[in-house]
């Protein structure tokens, strides 16, 4: 009777392991395509750089002086 119990336990363990393996395969997340996010990030970085340049121009004293002179006309 001990041999039968051992064989039964081995069989049940193998079945449960197979079920768990299949369940894990199904639960695996599909690969995600992040290329569109990378492009958007590049565009955002370019825009940030442009805004920094524009801020530097607008806060420049020479720009303010030119604006004041243009307003006198």
Protein backbone atom coordinates (compact mmCIF):
# COMPACT_ATOMS: atom_id res chain seq x y z
CA UNK A 1 0.00 0.00 0.00
CA UNK A 2 2.92 2.36 0.62
CA UNK A 3 4.05 2.10 -3.01
CA UNK A 4 0.58 3.03 -4.25
CA UNK A 5 0.51 6.08 -1.96
CA UNK A 6 3.94 7.20 -3.18
CA UNK A 7 2.92 6.84 -6.83
CA UNK A 8 -0.31 8.76 -6.15
CA UNK A 9 1.55 11.60 -4.41
CA UNK A 10 4.07 11.83 -7.27
CA UNK A 11 1.29 11.87 -9.87
CA UNK A 12 -0.71 14.53 -8.02
CA UNK A 13 2.42 16.65 -7.56
CA UNK A 14 3.24 16.40 -11.28
CA UNK A 15 -0.32 17.38 -12.24
CA UNK A 16 -0.33 20.37 -9.87
CA UNK A 17 3.11 21.47 -11.12
CA UNK A 18 1.88 21.28 -14.72
CA UNK A 19 -1.22 23.31 -13.89
CA UNK A 20 0.84 25.95 -12.11
CA UNK A 21 3.25 26.12 -15.06
CA UNK A 22 0.38 26.66 -17.52
CA UNK A 23 -1.22 29.26 -15.25
CA UNK A 24 2.04 31.20 -15.06
CA UNK A 25 2.39 31.12 -18.86
CA UNK A 26 -1.07 32.60 -19.26
CA UNK A 27 -0.52 35.28 -16.62
CA UNK A 28 2.71 36.50 -18.22
CA UNK A 29 2.35 40.09 -19.40
CA UNK A 30 2.62 40.57 -23.15
CA UNK A 31 5.61 42.59 -24.37
CA UNK A 32 4.95 46.31 -24.35
CA UNK A 33 5.99 48.60 -27.20
CA UNK A 34 7.46 51.75 -25.66
CA UNK A 35 8.79 53.32 -28.86
CA UNK A 36 5.97 55.88 -29.03
CA UNK A 37 6.72 56.93 -25.44
CA UNK A 38 10.40 57.30 -26.26
CA UNK A 39 9.53 59.58 -29.19
CA UNK A 40 7.27 61.69 -26.99
CA UNK A 41 10.01 61.94 -24.38
CA UNK A 42 12.49 63.14 -27.01
CA UNK A 43 9.98 65.76 -28.20
CA UNK A 44 9.38 66.88 -24.63
CA UNK A 45 13.11 67.26 -24.01
CA UNK A 46 13.44 69.37 -27.18
CA UNK A 47 10.53 71.56 -26.08
CA UNK A 48 12.05 72.02 -22.63
CA UNK A 49 15.31 73.12 -24.24
CA UNK A 50 13.45 75.61 -26.46
CA UNK A 51 11.55 77.02 -23.47
CA UNK A 52 14.83 77.46 -21.59
CA UNK A 53 16.28 79.39 -24.53
CA UNK A 54 13.17 81.56 -24.78
CA UNK A 55 13.26 82.25 -21.05
CA UNK A 56 16.89 83.29 -21.34
CA UNK A 57 16.03 85.65 -24.20
CA UNK A 58 13.03 87.19 -22.45
CA UNK A 59 14.83 87.72 -19.14
CA UNK A 60 17.89 89.21 -20.88
CA UNK A 61 18.35 92.92 -20.06
CA UNK A 62 19.08 93.72 -23.70
CA UNK A 63 15.72 92.27 -24.71
CA UNK A 64 13.92 94.37 -22.09
CA UNK A 65 15.73 97.50 -23.28
CA UNK A 66 14.79 96.78 -26.91
CA UNK A 67 11.17 96.23 -25.88
CA UNK A 68 11.14 99.55 -23.98
CA UNK A 69 12.58 101.35 -27.00
CA UNK A 70 10.01 99.74 -29.31
CA UNK A 71 7.23 100.83 -26.94
CA UNK A 72 8.36 104.47 -27.21
CA UNK A 73 7.52 104.59 -30.92
